[in-house]
Amino acid sequence: MEPPGVFGTSSSFTLRLGQTGFSTASLLFLCFHVEFYGYTAFCYSIIAMGLVIPWSATLFVVDAYSLLVRCLPRQRMIIWIVFFGDICLSYLSLAAACSTASVTDLLQHAGGSVCPTKLCNGLQLCAAMSFLCWLLLSTSCLFNFWLLPSL
């Protein structure tokens, strides 16, 4: 029996779909506000989510293909690459989520003139989507790490 969430399974397909969705939503919530370029934390969040989207979308397509042909990719090197990519992007997305949340909180406490309610709400949603993306990335990373000793 295969562990849940490992590369090439239906649960991995769902994790990748969630990662792609949350990272895209985070990027969109941030890019709709023109003021994002004035803060390094928001620029970093755009870069991090911009890296997560193609990674997760590519693995989403590979998972879909492996489910259609019923062939699980179980080469040790492939799982190592997926694990390494997941752990790197997991740390990047956690750092992006934390920096976005902390700068948003700082702007919120600075007063309404610096961060209007609509802007702050969008930035909070961006941080929340980044945290959810990080949660799914770290989950898939742990599941693939769990599979490595058995290969």
C-alpha atoms as a PDB file:
ATOM      1  CA  MET A   1       0.000   0.000   0.000  1.00  0.00           C
ATOM      2  CA  GLU A   2       1.277   3.452  -0.932  1.00  0.00           C
ATOM      3  CA  PRO A   3       1.543   6.159   1.711  1.00  0.00           C
ATOM      4  CA  PRO A   4      -0.953   8.976   1.136  1.00  0.00           C
ATOM      5  CA  GLY A   5       0.278  12.118  -0.568  1.00  0.00           C
ATOM      6  CA  VAL A   6       3.391  10.706  -2.236  1.00  0.00           C
ATOM      7  CA  PHE A   7       4.239  11.785  -5.760  1.00  0.00           C
ATOM      8  CA  GLY A   8       1.990  10.259  -8.412  1.00  0.00           C
ATOM      9  CA  THR A   9      -1.065   9.510  -6.233  1.00  0.00           C
ATOM     10  CA  SER A  10      -4.505  11.102  -6.157  1.00  0.00           C
ATOM     11  CA  SER A  11      -3.809  12.768  -2.812  1.00  0.00           C
ATOM     12  CA  SER A  12      -0.632  14.307  -4.262  1.00  0.00           C
ATOM     13  CA  PHE A  13      -2.755  15.494  -7.187  1.00  0.00           C
ATOM     14  CA  THR A  14      -5.085  17.231  -4.710  1.00  0.00           C
ATOM     15  CA  LEU A  15      -2.191  18.740  -2.748  1.00  0.00           C
ATOM     16  CA  ARG A  16      -0.669  20.123  -5.958  1.00  0.00           C
ATOM     17  CA  LEU A  17      -4.010  21.541  -7.040  1.00  0.00           C
ATOM     18  CA  GLY A  18      -4.332  23.315  -3.678  1.00  0.00           C
ATOM     19  CA  GLN A  19      -0.759  24.610  -3.840  1.00  0.00           C
ATOM     20  CA  THR A  20      -1.302  26.022  -7.307  1.00  0.00           C
ATOM     21  CA  GLY A  21      -4.625  27.573  -6.326  1.00  0.00           C
ATOM     22  CA  PHE A  22      -3.435  29.168  -3.090  1.00  0.00           C
ATOM     23  CA  SER A  23      -0.209  30.508  -4.581  1.00  0.00           C
ATOM     24  CA  THR A  24      -2.103  31.972  -7.547  1.00  0.00           C
ATOM     25  CA  ALA A  25      -4.660  33.552  -5.215  1.00  0.00           C
ATOM     26  CA  SER A  26      -1.891  35.011  -3.056  1.00  0.00           C
ATOM     27  CA  LEU A  27      -0.167  36.456  -6.099  1.00  0.00           C
ATOM     28  CA  LEU A  28      -3.400  37.942  -7.426  1.00  0.00           C
ATOM     29  CA  PHE A  29      -4.381  39.491  -4.087  1.00  0.00           C
ATOM     30  CA  LEU A  30      -0.982  41.152  -3.921  1.00  0.00           C
ATOM     31  CA  CYS A  31      -0.741  42.264  -7.548  1.00  0.00           C
ATOM     32  CA  PHE A  32      -4.135  43.984  -7.550  1.00  0.00           C
ATOM     33  CA  HIS A  33      -2.693  46.626  -5.241  1.00  0.00           C
ATOM     34  CA  VAL A  34      -0.395  49.076  -6.938  1.00  0.00           C
ATOM     35  CA  GLU A  35       1.432  49.939  -3.722  1.00  0.00           C
ATOM     36  CA  PHE A  36       3.110  46.540  -3.351  1.00  0.00           C
ATOM     37  CA  TYR A  37       6.379  47.555  -5.051  1.00  0.00           C
ATOM     38  CA  GLY A  38       7.202  50.021  -2.271  1.00  0.00           C
ATOM     39  CA  TYR A  39       7.892  47.227   0.233  1.00  0.00           C
ATOM     40  CA  THR A  40      10.558  44.566  -0.134  1.00  0.00           C
ATOM     41  CA  ALA A  41       8.462  41.979   1.726  1.00  0.00           C
ATOM     42  CA  PHE A  42       5.690  42.199  -0.849  1.00  0.00           C
ATOM     43  CA  CYS A  43       8.147  41.980  -3.747  1.00  0.00           C
ATOM     44  CA  TYR A  44       9.676  38.909  -2.091  1.00  0.00           C
ATOM     45  CA  SER A  45       6.224  37.366  -1.740  1.00  0.00           C
ATOM     46  CA  ILE A  46       5.578  37.895  -5.457  1.00  0.00           C
ATOM     47  CA  ILE A  47       8.865  36.221  -6.336  1.00  0.00           C
ATOM     48  CA  ALA A  48       8.234  33.280  -3.985  1.00  0.00           C
ATOM     49  CA  MET A  49       4.684  32.683  -5.232  1.00  0.00           C
ATOM     50  CA  GLY A  50       5.934  33.152  -8.797  1.00  0.00           C
ATOM     51  CA  LEU A  51       8.285  30.214  -8.206  1.00  0.00           C
ATOM     52  CA  VAL A  52       5.689  28.038  -6.464  1.00  0.00           C
ATOM     53  CA  ILE A  53       3.111  28.341  -9.255  1.00  0.00           C
ATOM     54  CA  PRO A  54       5.129  26.702 -12.082  1.00  0.00           C
ATOM     55  CA  TRP A  55       6.584  24.074  -9.720  1.00  0.00           C
ATOM     56  CA  SER A  56       3.196  23.013  -8.377  1.00  0.00           C
ATOM     57  CA  ALA A  57       1.482  23.264 -11.758  1.00  0.00           C
ATOM     58  CA  THR A  58       4.132  21.068 -13.382  1.00  0.00           C
ATOM     59  CA  LEU A  59       3.867  18.431 -10.667  1.00  0.00           C
ATOM     60  CA  PHE A  60       0.068  18.709 -10.885  1.00  0.00           C
ATOM     61  CA  VAL A  61       0.261  17.778 -14.577  1.00  0.00           C
ATOM     62  CA  VAL A  62       2.710  14.923 -13.875  1.00  0.00           C
ATOM     63  CA  ASP A  63       0.411  13.606 -11.129  1.00  0.00           C
ATOM     64  CA  ALA A  64      -2.573  13.788 -13.485  1.00  0.00           C
ATOM     65  CA  TYR A  65      -0.650  11.906 -16.177  1.00  0.00           C
ATOM     66  CA  SER A  66       0.531   9.218 -13.763  1.00  0.00           C
ATOM     67  CA  LEU A  67      -3.054   8.747 -12.557  1.00  0.00           C
ATOM     68  CA  LEU A  68      -4.339   8.426 -16.117  1.00  0.00           C
ATOM     69  CA  VAL A  69      -1.778   5.838 -17.187  1.00  0.00           C
ATOM     70  CA  ARG A  70      -1.712   4.203 -13.737  1.00  0.00           C
ATOM     71  CA  CYS A  71       2.068   4.309 -13.579  1.00  0.00           C
ATOM     72  CA  LEU A  72       3.600   5.649 -10.380  1.00  0.00           C
ATOM     73  CA  PRO A  73       6.998   7.351 -10.746  1.00  0.00           C
ATOM     74  CA  ARG A  74       9.058   5.546  -8.120  1.00  0.00           C
ATOM     75  CA  GLN A  75      12.648   6.282  -9.117  1.00  0.00           C
ATOM     76  CA  ARG A  76      14.692   7.385  -6.137  1.00  0.00           C
ATOM     77  CA  MET A  77      16.235  10.361  -7.974  1.00  0.00           C
ATOM     78  CA  ILE A  78      12.838  11.721  -9.055  1.00  0.00           C
ATOM     79  CA  ILE A  79      11.479  11.530  -5.501  1.00  0.00           C
ATOM     80  CA  TRP A  80      14.652  13.255  -4.211  1.00  0.00           C
ATOM     81  CA  ILE A  81      14.203  16.090  -6.726  1.00  0.00           C
ATOM     82  CA  VAL A  82      10.526  16.482  -5.802  1.00  0.00           C
ATOM     83  CA  PHE A  83      11.394  16.398  -2.089  1.00  0.00           C
ATOM     84  CA  PHE A  84      14.219  18.942  -2.474  1.00  0.00           C
ATOM     85  CA  GLY A  85      12.048  21.276  -4.575  1.00  0.00           C
ATOM     86  CA  ASP A  86       9.194  21.008  -2.103  1.00  0.00           C
ATOM     87  CA  ILE A  87      11.361  21.742   0.927  1.00  0.00           C
ATOM     88  CA  CYS A  88      13.057  24.755  -0.712  1.00  0.00           C
ATOM     89  CA  LEU A  89       9.773  26.244  -1.878  1.00  0.00           C
ATOM     90  CA  SER A  90       8.183  25.440   1.461  1.00  0.00           C
ATOM     91  CA  TYR A  91      10.760  27.562   3.270  1.00  0.00           C
ATOM     92  CA  LEU A  92      10.440  30.331   0.680  1.00  0.00           C
ATOM     93  CA  SER A  93       6.657  30.440   0.952  1.00  0.00           C
ATOM     94  CA  LEU A  94       6.779  30.409   4.764  1.00  0.00           C
ATOM     95  CA  ALA A  95       9.218  33.323   4.736  1.00  0.00           C
ATOM     96  CA  ALA A  96       7.042  35.179   2.217  1.00  0.00           C
ATOM     97  CA  ALA A  97       3.906  34.585   4.289  1.00  0.00           C
ATOM     98  CA  CYS A  98       5.566  35.713   7.513  1.00  0.00           C
ATOM     99  CA  SER A  99       7.091  38.828   5.956  1.00  0.00           C
ATOM    100  CA  THR A 100       3.828  39.786   4.256  1.00  0.00           C
ATOM    101  CA  ALA A 101       1.869  39.270   7.464  1.00  0.00           C
ATOM    102  CA  SER A 102       4.323  41.247   9.587  1.00  0.00           C
ATOM    103  CA  VAL A 103       4.539  44.219   7.199  1.00  0.00           C
ATOM    104  CA  THR A 104       0.748  44.238   6.836  1.00  0.00           C
ATOM    105  CA  ASP A 105       0.377  44.284  10.611  1.00  0.00           C
ATOM    106  CA  LEU A 106       2.917  47.086  10.871  1.00  0.00           C
ATOM    107  CA  LEU A 107       1.078  49.112   8.222  1.00  0.00           C
ATOM    108  CA  GLN A 108      -2.247  48.475   9.916  1.00  0.00           C
ATOM    109  CA  HIS A 109      -0.990  49.789  13.247  1.00  0.00           C
ATOM    110  CA  ALA A 110       0.584  52.818  11.543  1.00  0.00           C
ATOM    111  CA  GLY A 111      -2.834  54.250  10.808  1.00  0.00           C
ATOM    112  CA  GLY A 112      -5.547  54.429   8.204  1.00  0.00           C
ATOM    113  CA  SER A 113      -3.673  56.900   6.022  1.00  0.00           C
ATOM    114  CA  VAL A 114      -0.815  54.467   5.385  1.00  0.00           C
ATOM    115  CA  CYS A 115      -2.944  51.378   4.864  1.00  0.00           C
ATOM    116  CA  PRO A 116      -6.602  51.879   3.932  1.00  0.00           C
ATOM    117  CA  THR A 117      -8.977  49.104   4.993  1.00  0.00           C
ATOM    118  CA  LYS A 118      -9.387  47.708   1.467  1.00  0.00           C
ATOM    119  CA  LEU A 119      -5.618  47.521   0.935  1.00  0.00           C
ATOM    120  CA  CYS A 120      -4.931  45.949   4.331  1.00  0.00           C
ATOM    121  CA  ASN A 121      -7.668  43.354   3.825  1.00  0.00           C
ATOM    122  CA  GLY A 122      -6.164  42.359   0.476  1.00  0.00           C
ATOM    123  CA  LEU A 123      -2.702  42.085   2.005  1.00  0.00           C
ATOM    124  CA  GLN A 124      -4.055  39.973   4.869  1.00  0.00           C
ATOM    125  CA  LEU A 125      -5.709  37.640   2.346  1.00  0.00           C
ATOM    126  CA  CYS A 126      -2.410  37.428   0.480  1.00  0.00           C
ATOM    127  CA  ALA A 127      -0.616  36.396   3.679  1.00  0.00           C
ATOM    128  CA  ALA A 128      -3.339  33.847   4.524  1.00  0.00           C
ATOM    129  CA  MET A 129      -3.118  32.273   1.056  1.00  0.00           C
ATOM    130  CA  SER A 130       0.678  32.135   1.361  1.00  0.00           C
ATOM    131  CA  PHE A 131       0.382  30.341   4.720  1.00  0.00           C
ATOM    132  CA  LEU A 132      -2.071  27.824   3.249  1.00  0.00           C
ATOM    133  CA  CYS A 133       0.264  27.253   0.303  1.00  0.00           C
ATOM    134  CA  TRP A 134       3.135  26.675   2.744  1.00  0.00           C
ATOM    135  CA  LEU A 135       1.031  24.172   4.694  1.00  0.00           C
ATOM    136  CA  LEU A 136       0.296  22.127   1.571  1.00  0.00           C
ATOM    137  CA  LEU A 137       3.904  22.330   0.348  1.00  0.00           C
ATOM    138  CA  SER A 138       5.283  21.130   3.668  1.00  0.00           C
ATOM    139  CA  THR A 139       2.694  18.340   3.759  1.00  0.00           C
ATOM    140  CA  SER A 140       3.712  17.014   0.346  1.00  0.00           C
ATOM    141  CA  CYS A 141       7.368  17.401   1.339  1.00  0.00           C
ATOM    142  CA  LEU A 142       6.853  15.266   4.443  1.00  0.00           C
ATOM    143  CA  PHE A 143       4.936  12.595   2.541  1.00  0.00           C
ATOM    144  CA  ASN A 144       7.672  12.300  -0.089  1.00  0.00           C
ATOM    145  CA  PHE A 145      10.327  12.204   2.622  1.00  0.00           C
ATOM    146  CA  TRP A 146       8.353   9.390   4.243  1.00  0.00           C
ATOM    147  CA  LEU A 147       8.560   7.415   0.979  1.00  0.00           C
ATOM    148  CA  LEU A 148      12.330   7.787   0.452  1.00  0.00           C
ATOM    149  CA  PRO A 149      13.568   5.039   2.851  1.00  0.00           C
ATOM    150  CA  SER A 150      11.396   2.441   1.124  1.00  0.00           C
ATOM    151  CA  LEU A 151      12.957   3.074  -2.298  1.00  0.00           C
END
